[in-house]
Amino acid sequence: MSQESPSTPSPRRRPRGVRRRRGLATAAALALSAGLLAACGSEGKPTLTWYLNPDGQATFEAFAEQCSTDEYDIQTRLLPTSATDQRVQLARRLAAEDSQTDLMNLDPVFVPEFANAGWLLELPDDTVTDDTLEGIAETVRWEDKIYASPLWANTQVLWYRKSLAQEAGLDMSQPVTWSQVVEAASSVDGATVGVQANKYEAYVVWINAMIEGAGGTILENPEAGVDAEVALDSDAAREAARVVDELASSPAAQADLSVSNEGTALAYMFGDGPGAFMVNWTFVYKNFEPGDANDYTKEQFDDLGWARYPRTVDGQESAPPVGGIDIGVGAFTDHPDFAREAAACITSVENQVELAVTDGLMPATQSAYDADELAKAYPPDLLDLFRTSVDEGGPRPKSAFYATISGAIQSRWHPPSEVDPETTPGRSQEYLQAVLEGKALL
C-alpha cells in the first residue's frame, strides 16, 4: 500500500556538475508520456531508459523527472514484481546487447553475475564512500571494482503485535529465538508466524539468514564461481532446516505457507484474531502507518512492535538478511556519461531520505539516516535497529552464479512441509555441487 508524501518535502541539492533539474510538480503527468518517447526526446535530446522494480514506483518516477536535464531525459520502465523475474528480463536484454537498457534497479545478489558477464559499466571509486553503510557497500563491488550505486539498503526485522507477545508471555525486550517465536504463537489460538516461503528468492533469503545465524554459510568461497565449496551439509544448515520443519508442522504456520511472500504475510497482522509475529522488510512500518491510503487505525498502529531478527540458536546473535536496490549502468548504453551522471543523481542522499520517508525503503548512507526528516518519520529505536541490522547482517553468497545457487536450494528445500533436518541439508549439498560441476541441471 502506498503512503502519503510528507507534508513538508525534504530539501534537495543539485548534484555538482548537473544541469537544470526540473521540479517535481509535473512528474506524474510527464511520467505517463514517458512510454511514448523513443531513444531521443521530443527536442532531439537523448532519452535514458531506467528499468525499475515496483517498490516505490511513484517516487522513482518523480526522481526520473527531477534528474532529467537540459541534455537528456529519463523515462522509466517497470520490471516484474519478483527479483528472480526482474533478473531474467534484464539478463535477456543485456545478453542481446540492448543499447536502451541505460539504467536498472538490481537486487544486490545479481550485481556480481551482471558485472562478471560484462553487462555493467564500471562506476567511479567515489560511488562508495565512508558514508555508505558497510552492509550494502560490499554488494556493489566485484573484483575490486564498483559496478553499481547503492540506492537503498534493506533488511528484515521481527514485527509483531505487542498484545500478542504479552498474551503469549514472550519477553520482547530480550533476544528471541525462532523456536521461542513459534512456541509463543502456537500457544495463542489463531496466532501465526509470517515468513516468505514460496518457491522464490525470498525463501532463500530466509534459509541463508538462519544458516548464517547458526554460524554457517552456504558457500565457503563463493567468488570461486563453479569451483566454490558447497557447505550445506553442516550443523548450521540442519539448525535452519529444523526451524523450517518446526514452523511448518506447528499451529502457527500460516495456511498459505508454501506460497507465502512479503505481501501475503501482512494480512495476518491486523486481520481477524490475535495477530502474528512476522519477519519482513523495512517497508512494513510505513505500510501499517495510518493514512489516506489504508484503513489502519492508530490503536492498531500503536500495537505494532519490532525486534531484531530471531536467533537460529540460543546464545548466538542472529544474522538479519541484507537486501535493497543498487543502480547499475548498462554496458551497451549509447550514453555512458549521461547514464553515470543520472545514477549519481538518483542515488543522492536527498533522494534516499525521501524514499525512506515516503515508501519505507531505508537509506544506504549514514548521513541519510541522520537526516531530520527520518527522525520525524520513525522512532529512534527502529532507525537504530534498521541500521544495525544492515551492518551486522548475513549477506547471501557473493557469486557470479548466484541465480544457479538460489535455484538449486529452492528445488531441494521447497515445499517447507517436506524439509527434513536430517536429510534436506545433505541432499541440497549434493545437488548444488552437481549443478555447479555441470553434472546436473536445474
Protein backbone atom coordinates (compact mmCIF):
# COMPACT_ATOMS: atom_id res chain seq x y z
CA MET A 1 0.00 0.00 0.00
CA SER A 2 1.32 3.40 -0.92
CA GLN A 3 1.86 6.09 1.67
CA GLU A 4 1.25 9.80 1.56
CA SER A 5 4.17 12.04 0.83
CA PRO A 6 5.32 14.07 3.84
CA SER A 7 3.63 17.43 4.18
CA THR A 8 7.00 19.17 4.12
CA PRO A 9 9.14 17.76 1.32
CA SER A 10 12.78 17.14 2.05
CA PRO A 11 15.19 19.77 0.68
CA ARG A 12 17.12 18.83 -2.46
CA ARG A 13 20.57 19.83 -3.58
CA ARG A 14 21.60 19.94 -7.18
CA PRO A 15 24.46 17.43 -7.62
CA ARG A 16 27.63 19.15 -8.72
CA GLY A 17 28.03 19.32 -12.48
CA VAL A 18 24.40 18.52 -13.19
CA ARG A 19 22.43 20.99 -15.27
CA ARG A 20 18.98 22.36 -14.62
CA ARG A 21 16.78 19.86 -12.79
CA ARG A 22 13.11 20.25 -13.42
CA GLY A 23 10.75 20.42 -10.48
CA LEU A 24 8.72 17.52 -9.16
CA ALA A 25 5.36 19.19 -9.63
CA THR A 26 4.86 17.87 -13.16
CA ALA A 27 6.48 14.48 -12.55
CA ALA A 28 3.36 12.36 -12.57
CA ALA A 29 1.97 13.85 -15.79
CA LEU A 30 5.24 13.61 -17.64
CA ALA A 31 5.87 10.07 -16.44
CA LEU A 32 2.69 9.00 -18.22
CA SER A 33 4.04 10.28 -21.52
CA ALA A 34 7.48 8.78 -20.98
CA GLY A 35 6.43 5.49 -22.56
CA LEU A 36 5.86 7.30 -25.87
CA LEU A 37 9.41 8.55 -26.08
CA ALA A 38 11.88 6.84 -28.35
CA ALA A 39 15.62 6.76 -27.86
CA CYS A 40 15.68 10.50 -28.45
CA GLY A 41 13.40 13.02 -26.75
CA SER A 42 10.94 15.34 -28.39
CA GLU A 43 13.60 18.04 -28.68
CA GLY A 44 16.22 15.73 -30.14
CA LYS A 45 17.71 15.06 -26.72
CA PRO A 46 18.75 11.53 -25.77
CA THR A 47 16.32 9.64 -23.56
CA LEU A 48 17.76 7.28 -20.97
CA THR A 49 15.60 4.28 -20.06
CA TRP A 50 15.58 3.27 -16.40
CA TYR A 51 14.23 -0.18 -15.53
CA LEU A 52 12.84 -0.17 -12.02
CA ASN A 53 11.19 -2.59 -9.62
CA PRO A 54 7.63 -1.85 -8.43
CA ASP A 55 8.61 -0.79 -4.89
CA GLY A 56 8.39 3.00 -4.64
CA GLN A 57 7.36 3.35 -8.27
CA ALA A 58 5.71 6.77 -7.95
CA THR A 59 8.72 8.14 -6.10
CA PHE A 60 11.08 6.72 -8.74
CA GLU A 61 9.09 8.37 -11.50
CA ALA A 62 9.48 11.67 -9.67
CA PHE A 63 13.24 11.05 -9.41
CA ALA A 64 13.36 10.39 -13.16
CA GLU A 65 11.82 13.78 -13.86
CA GLN A 66 13.95 15.54 -11.27
CA CYS A 67 17.18 14.02 -12.61
CA SER A 68 16.40 14.80 -16.26
CA THR A 69 18.46 17.72 -17.56
CA ASP A 70 18.75 20.09 -20.49
CA GLU A 71 20.95 17.44 -22.14
CA TYR A 72 18.90 14.25 -21.60
CA ASP A 73 15.59 12.94 -20.34
CA ILE A 74 14.95 9.85 -18.22
CA GLN A 75 11.98 7.56 -18.79
CA THR A 76 11.03 4.59 -16.62
CA ARG A 77 10.06 1.03 -17.48
CA LEU A 78 8.58 -1.30 -14.89
CA LEU A 79 10.14 -4.68 -14.13
CA PRO A 80 8.21 -7.71 -12.78
CA THR A 81 7.47 -7.99 -9.07
CA SER A 82 9.83 -10.81 -8.08
CA ALA A 83 13.61 -10.37 -8.01
CA THR A 84 14.02 -13.60 -9.99
CA ASP A 85 11.80 -12.40 -12.83
CA GLN A 86 13.50 -9.00 -12.78
CA ARG A 87 16.85 -10.70 -13.27
CA VAL A 88 15.57 -12.80 -16.17
CA GLN A 89 14.16 -9.80 -18.06
CA LEU A 90 17.28 -7.69 -17.60
CA ALA A 91 19.61 -10.59 -18.43
CA ARG A 92 17.81 -11.21 -21.72
CA ARG A 93 18.09 -7.56 -22.72
CA LEU A 94 21.73 -7.26 -21.77
CA ALA A 95 22.71 -10.59 -23.34
CA ALA A 96 21.27 -9.15 -26.56
CA GLU A 97 23.43 -6.02 -26.02
CA ASP A 98 20.38 -3.77 -25.77
CA SER A 99 21.59 -0.17 -26.05
CA GLN A 100 18.40 1.18 -24.47
CA THR A 101 18.93 -0.55 -21.13
CA ASP A 102 20.68 2.51 -19.72
CA LEU A 103 19.87 2.26 -16.01
CA MET A 104 18.50 -0.60 -13.96
CA ASN A 105 17.45 -1.41 -10.41
CA LEU A 106 19.29 -4.54 -9.32
CA ASP A 107 18.84 -6.82 -6.35
CA PRO A 108 22.36 -6.75 -4.81
CA VAL A 109 22.87 -10.50 -5.28
CA PHE A 110 22.76 -10.10 -9.06
CA VAL A 111 25.46 -7.42 -9.31
CA PRO A 112 28.33 -9.99 -9.39
CA GLU A 113 26.66 -12.01 -12.14
CA PHE A 114 25.97 -8.98 -14.32
CA ALA A 115 29.42 -7.48 -13.73
CA ASN A 116 31.13 -10.79 -14.44
CA ALA A 117 29.19 -11.13 -17.68
CA GLY A 118 30.32 -7.68 -18.83
CA TRP A 119 26.78 -6.27 -18.67
CA LEU A 120 27.53 -3.34 -16.33
CA LEU A 121 29.76 -0.32 -16.74
CA GLU A 122 32.30 0.38 -14.04
CA LEU A 123 31.40 3.36 -11.85
CA PRO A 124 33.74 5.90 -10.17
CA ASP A 125 35.51 4.91 -6.97
CA ASP A 126 33.73 7.65 -5.02
CA THR A 127 30.38 5.95 -5.69
CA VAL A 128 31.06 4.23 -2.35
CA THR A 129 32.41 6.38 0.49
CA ASP A 130 32.84 6.19 4.24
CA ASP A 131 29.25 7.42 4.42
CA THR A 132 27.93 4.25 2.76
CA LEU A 133 26.60 1.59 5.15
CA GLU A 134 29.10 -1.23 5.34
CA GLY A 135 26.49 -3.93 4.78
CA ILE A 136 25.41 -2.51 1.42
CA ALA A 137 28.77 -1.13 0.25
CA GLU A 138 30.14 -4.60 -0.34
CA THR A 139 27.24 -5.53 -2.63
CA VAL A 140 28.32 -3.16 -5.43
CA ARG A 141 31.92 -4.37 -5.67
CA TRP A 142 33.18 -7.11 -7.93
CA GLU A 143 36.86 -7.96 -8.37
CA ASP A 144 37.89 -4.75 -6.61
CA LYS A 145 35.84 -2.52 -8.91
CA ILE A 146 32.48 -0.79 -8.40
CA TYR A 147 29.67 -1.72 -10.76
CA ALA A 148 26.57 -0.23 -9.13
CA SER A 149 25.46 2.64 -6.91
CA PRO A 150 23.57 1.84 -3.67
CA LEU A 151 20.08 3.34 -3.62
CA TRP A 152 18.54 1.75 -0.57
CA ALA A 153 19.71 -0.79 1.98
CA ASN A 154 17.06 -3.25 3.04
CA THR A 155 16.93 -5.62 5.98
CA GLN A 156 14.38 -7.70 7.86
CA VAL A 157 13.29 -7.38 11.45
CA LEU A 158 10.76 -9.25 13.56
CA TRP A 159 7.44 -7.38 13.51
CA TYR A 160 4.75 -8.38 15.98
CA ARG A 161 1.60 -7.38 17.81
CA LYS A 162 2.55 -6.18 21.29
CA SER A 163 -0.70 -7.54 22.65
CA LEU A 164 0.10 -10.96 21.17
CA ALA A 165 3.57 -11.10 22.71
CA GLN A 166 2.11 -10.12 26.06
CA GLU A 167 -0.62 -12.76 25.88
CA ALA A 168 1.95 -15.40 24.90
CA GLY A 169 4.27 -14.36 27.72
CA LEU A 170 7.21 -13.69 25.40
CA ASP A 171 9.63 -11.03 26.67
CA MET A 172 10.49 -9.00 23.58
CA SER A 173 12.98 -6.81 25.47
CA GLN A 174 15.41 -9.73 25.20
CA PRO A 175 16.70 -11.51 22.08
CA VAL A 176 14.36 -14.29 20.97
CA THR A 177 14.96 -17.48 19.01
CA TRP A 178 12.88 -18.88 16.19
CA SER A 179 11.77 -21.72 18.45
CA GLN A 180 10.55 -19.26 21.08
CA VAL A 181 8.60 -17.29 18.48
CA VAL A 182 6.93 -20.41 17.04
CA GLU A 183 6.14 -21.70 20.52
CA ALA A 184 4.69 -18.35 21.60
CA ALA A 185 2.45 -18.07 18.54
CA SER A 186 1.35 -21.69 18.91
CA SER A 187 0.27 -21.02 22.49
CA VAL A 188 -2.35 -18.45 21.43
CA ASP A 189 -5.30 -19.72 19.46
CA GLY A 190 -5.30 -18.21 15.97
CA ALA A 191 -1.85 -16.58 16.18
CA THR A 192 0.64 -17.19 13.38
CA VAL A 193 4.25 -16.68 12.31
CA GLY A 194 4.74 -14.99 8.95
CA VAL A 195 7.69 -15.72 6.67
CA GLN A 196 8.41 -15.80 2.94
CA ALA A 197 8.38 -19.45 1.87
CA ASN A 198 7.14 -19.50 -1.69
CA LYS A 199 9.50 -21.10 -4.21
CA TYR A 200 11.34 -17.88 -4.99
CA GLU A 201 14.32 -15.77 -3.94
CA ALA A 202 12.94 -14.57 -0.60
CA TYR A 203 12.72 -18.18 0.61
CA VAL A 204 16.48 -18.49 0.08
CA VAL A 205 16.86 -15.19 1.95
CA TRP A 206 15.20 -16.83 4.97
CA ILE A 207 17.22 -20.05 4.70
CA ASN A 208 20.51 -18.17 4.28
CA ALA A 209 19.83 -15.86 7.24
CA MET A 210 19.17 -18.83 9.52
CA ILE A 211 22.28 -20.68 8.34
CA GLU A 212 24.40 -17.57 8.83
CA GLY A 213 22.78 -17.05 12.23
CA ALA A 214 23.88 -20.53 13.27
CA GLY A 215 27.49 -19.80 12.33
CA GLY A 216 27.42 -21.46 8.92
CA THR A 217 27.38 -20.44 5.30
CA ILE A 218 26.06 -21.79 2.00
CA LEU A 219 29.40 -21.49 0.20
CA GLU A 220 32.85 -21.29 1.72
CA ASN A 221 34.43 -19.36 -1.17
CA PRO A 222 31.60 -18.01 -3.33
CA GLU A 223 33.82 -15.82 -5.54
CA ALA A 224 35.41 -19.02 -6.89
CA GLY A 225 32.34 -19.46 -9.06
CA VAL A 226 31.69 -23.05 -10.14
CA ASP A 227 34.71 -24.14 -8.10
CA ALA A 228 33.18 -22.85 -4.87
CA GLU A 229 32.99 -25.25 -1.93
CA VAL A 230 29.39 -26.01 -1.01
CA ALA A 231 28.87 -26.06 2.77
CA LEU A 232 25.21 -27.02 3.13
CA ASP A 233 25.79 -30.38 4.77
CA SER A 234 26.50 -28.72 8.11
CA ASP A 235 25.15 -28.40 11.63
CA ALA A 236 24.18 -24.80 10.83
CA ALA A 237 22.07 -25.87 7.84
CA ARG A 238 20.47 -28.61 9.95
CA GLU A 239 19.51 -25.97 12.51
CA ALA A 240 17.94 -23.90 9.74
CA ALA A 241 16.06 -26.94 8.44
CA ARG A 242 14.89 -27.67 11.97
CA VAL A 243 13.32 -24.20 12.19
CA VAL A 244 11.56 -24.62 8.82
CA ASP A 245 10.23 -28.01 9.89
CA GLU A 246 9.24 -26.70 13.32
CA LEU A 247 7.19 -23.88 11.86
CA ALA A 248 5.66 -25.90 9.02
CA SER A 249 4.39 -28.57 11.42
CA SER A 250 3.11 -26.14 14.06
CA PRO A 251 -0.30 -24.47 14.59
CA ALA A 252 1.48 -21.16 13.97
CA ALA A 253 2.08 -21.94 10.29
CA GLN A 254 0.00 -19.70 8.06
CA ALA A 255 -2.39 -21.51 5.73
CA ASP A 256 -0.57 -20.25 2.64
CA LEU A 257 2.93 -21.02 3.95
CA SER A 258 4.18 -22.75 0.80
CA VAL A 259 3.18 -19.78 -1.39
CA SER A 260 3.74 -17.02 1.17
CA ASN A 261 5.52 -13.82 0.23
CA GLU A 262 6.17 -10.34 1.60
CA GLY A 263 2.62 -9.25 0.87
CA THR A 264 0.61 -12.27 1.97
CA ALA A 265 2.07 -12.19 5.48
CA LEU A 266 0.82 -8.63 6.06
CA ALA A 267 -2.83 -9.67 6.12
CA TYR A 268 -2.36 -11.77 9.26
CA MET A 269 -1.06 -8.94 11.42
CA PHE A 270 -4.28 -6.97 11.92
CA GLY A 271 -6.86 -9.33 10.46
CA ASP A 272 -9.30 -11.41 12.46
CA GLY A 273 -7.72 -12.96 15.53
CA PRO A 274 -4.80 -12.11 17.80
CA GLY A 275 -2.34 -11.26 15.03
CA ALA A 276 1.11 -12.50 14.16
CA PHE A 277 4.83 -12.45 14.55
CA MET A 278 6.36 -11.75 11.14
CA VAL A 279 9.80 -11.35 9.62
CA ASN A 280 9.66 -8.84 6.81
CA TRP A 281 11.43 -5.87 5.26
CA THR A 282 11.57 -2.25 6.40
CA PHE A 283 8.56 -1.13 4.33
CA VAL A 284 6.22 -2.68 6.92
CA TYR A 285 6.29 0.36 9.20
CA LYS A 286 5.00 2.71 6.51
CA ASN A 287 2.59 0.07 5.28
CA PHE A 288 0.78 -0.02 8.64
CA GLU A 289 1.10 3.70 9.41
CA PRO A 290 -2.46 5.13 9.28
CA GLY A 291 -3.11 7.37 6.30
CA ASP A 292 -5.42 8.07 3.40
CA ALA A 293 -4.06 5.06 1.52
CA ASN A 294 -5.17 2.49 4.12
CA ASP A 295 -7.74 1.75 6.81
CA TYR A 296 -5.40 1.03 9.73
CA THR A 297 -6.23 2.78 12.98
CA LYS A 298 -3.96 4.50 15.47
CA GLU A 299 -4.87 1.81 18.02
CA GLN A 300 -3.65 -0.89 15.64
CA PHE A 301 -0.51 1.04 14.77
CA ASP A 302 0.31 1.56 18.45
CA ASP A 303 0.12 -2.22 18.88
CA LEU A 304 2.87 -2.78 16.29
CA GLY A 305 6.18 -3.85 17.79
CA TRP A 306 9.60 -4.66 16.37
CA ALA A 307 12.71 -6.53 17.43
CA ARG A 308 15.91 -7.85 15.94
CA TYR A 309 15.65 -10.83 13.60
CA PRO A 310 15.18 -14.08 15.57
CA ARG A 311 18.18 -16.17 16.53
CA THR A 312 18.59 -19.58 14.93
CA VAL A 313 20.24 -20.99 18.03
CA ASP A 314 20.11 -19.70 21.58
CA GLY A 315 23.13 -17.68 22.68
CA GLN A 316 24.33 -16.79 19.16
CA GLU A 317 23.49 -13.42 17.61
CA SER A 318 21.22 -13.50 14.58
CA ALA A 319 22.33 -12.55 11.07
CA PRO A 320 19.49 -10.46 9.59
CA PRO A 321 19.02 -10.57 5.81
CA VAL A 322 20.64 -7.82 3.77
CA GLY A 323 18.91 -6.64 0.61
CA GLY A 324 17.97 -3.41 -1.09
CA ILE A 325 18.45 -2.00 -4.55
CA ASP A 326 21.59 -0.93 -6.38
CA ILE A 327 21.52 1.13 -9.58
CA GLY A 328 23.54 -0.31 -12.46
CA VAL A 329 24.50 1.32 -15.77
CA GLY A 330 24.09 -0.93 -18.80
CA ALA A 331 27.33 -1.73 -20.59
CA PHE A 332 25.79 -1.16 -24.04
CA THR A 333 24.20 2.24 -23.44
CA ASP A 334 24.83 4.82 -26.13
CA HIS A 335 25.18 7.48 -23.43
CA PRO A 336 27.53 6.18 -20.72
CA ASP A 337 28.49 9.57 -19.26
CA PHE A 338 24.88 10.72 -19.02
CA ALA A 339 23.84 7.40 -17.51
CA ARG A 340 26.56 7.55 -14.85
CA GLU A 341 25.56 11.10 -14.02
CA ALA A 342 21.89 10.12 -13.79
CA ALA A 343 22.73 7.20 -11.47
CA ALA A 344 24.57 9.58 -9.14
CA CYS A 345 21.58 11.92 -9.08
CA ILE A 346 19.04 9.16 -8.47
CA THR A 347 21.04 7.77 -5.54
CA SER A 348 21.73 11.13 -3.88
CA VAL A 349 21.39 11.37 -0.10
CA GLU A 350 18.37 13.65 -0.52
CA ASN A 351 16.61 11.08 -2.67
CA GLN A 352 17.44 8.29 -0.24
CA VAL A 353 15.81 10.32 2.54
CA GLU A 354 12.67 10.92 0.52
CA LEU A 355 12.41 7.25 -0.43
CA ALA A 356 12.62 6.26 3.24
CA VAL A 357 10.09 8.84 4.42
CA THR A 358 7.62 8.19 1.62
CA ASP A 359 7.94 4.46 0.94
CA GLY A 360 9.71 2.92 3.93
CA LEU A 361 12.73 1.92 1.80
CA MET A 362 15.66 2.75 4.03
CA PRO A 363 18.85 4.63 3.08
CA ALA A 364 22.21 3.24 2.08
CA THR A 365 24.14 6.06 3.80
CA GLN A 366 24.81 7.15 7.37
CA SER A 367 24.06 10.80 6.62
CA ALA A 368 20.61 9.95 5.29
CA TYR A 369 19.86 8.02 8.49
CA ASP A 370 20.90 11.11 10.45
CA ALA A 371 18.57 13.42 8.49
CA ASP A 372 15.95 15.33 10.47
CA GLU A 373 13.22 14.06 8.16
CA LEU A 374 13.88 10.46 9.20
CA ALA A 375 13.96 11.38 12.88
CA LYS A 376 10.46 12.82 12.46
CA ALA A 377 9.19 9.87 10.42
CA TYR A 378 10.47 6.92 12.50
CA PRO A 379 11.01 6.06 16.17
CA PRO A 380 14.71 6.34 17.05
CA ASP A 381 14.98 2.74 18.25
CA LEU A 382 13.57 1.49 14.94
CA LEU A 383 16.09 3.53 12.95
CA ASP A 384 18.89 2.12 15.09
CA LEU A 385 17.53 -1.40 14.55
CA PHE A 386 17.42 -0.97 10.78
CA ARG A 387 20.94 0.45 10.58
CA THR A 388 22.44 -2.15 12.91
CA SER A 389 20.70 -4.99 11.10
CA VAL A 390 22.20 -3.92 7.76
CA ASP A 391 25.72 -3.57 9.14
CA GLU A 392 25.58 -6.80 11.15
CA GLY A 393 23.52 -8.80 8.67
CA GLY A 394 24.30 -12.05 6.92
CA PRO A 395 24.74 -11.48 3.18
CA ARG A 396 23.83 -14.08 0.62
CA PRO A 397 26.72 -15.70 -1.30
CA LYS A 398 28.52 -13.18 -3.49
CA SER A 399 28.84 -15.22 -6.66
CA ALA A 400 28.55 -14.73 -10.39
CA PHE A 401 26.50 -17.93 -10.33
CA TYR A 402 24.12 -16.86 -7.60
CA ALA A 403 20.96 -17.44 -9.67
CA THR A 404 22.00 -21.06 -10.13
CA ILE A 405 22.83 -21.43 -6.44
CA SER A 406 19.48 -19.98 -5.38
CA GLY A 407 17.52 -22.14 -7.82
CA ALA A 408 19.21 -25.32 -6.62
CA ILE A 409 18.44 -24.55 -2.98
CA GLN A 410 14.81 -23.74 -3.75
CA SER A 411 14.39 -27.04 -5.57
CA ARG A 412 15.54 -29.09 -2.56
CA TRP A 413 14.07 -27.02 0.31
CA HIS A 414 10.60 -26.46 -1.13
CA PRO A 415 7.90 -27.01 -0.03
CA PRO A 416 8.62 -26.22 3.63
CA SER A 417 6.40 -29.08 4.79
CA GLU A 418 8.83 -31.58 3.23
CA VAL A 419 12.02 -30.16 4.77
CA ASP A 420 13.74 -32.78 6.92
CA PRO A 421 16.55 -31.58 9.23
CA GLU A 422 18.33 -34.92 8.85
CA THR A 423 18.25 -35.23 5.07
CA THR A 424 17.49 -31.91 3.36
CA PRO A 425 20.89 -30.23 4.00
CA GLY A 426 22.80 -33.24 2.67
CA ARG A 427 20.54 -33.62 -0.37
CA SER A 428 20.85 -29.95 -1.23
CA GLN A 429 24.63 -30.12 -0.76
CA GLU A 430 24.94 -32.97 -3.27
CA TYR A 431 22.57 -31.37 -5.76
CA LEU A 432 24.09 -27.88 -5.69
CA GLN A 433 27.59 -29.33 -6.03
CA ALA A 434 26.48 -31.40 -9.02
CA VAL A 435 24.81 -28.37 -10.65
CA LEU A 436 27.92 -26.23 -10.22
CA GLU A 437 30.08 -29.01 -11.69
CA GLY A 438 27.77 -29.37 -14.68
CA LYS A 439 26.70 -32.88 -13.67
CA ALA A 440 23.06 -31.96 -13.02
CA LEU A 441 20.56 -29.48 -14.41
CA LEU A 442 18.15 -27.24 -12.56
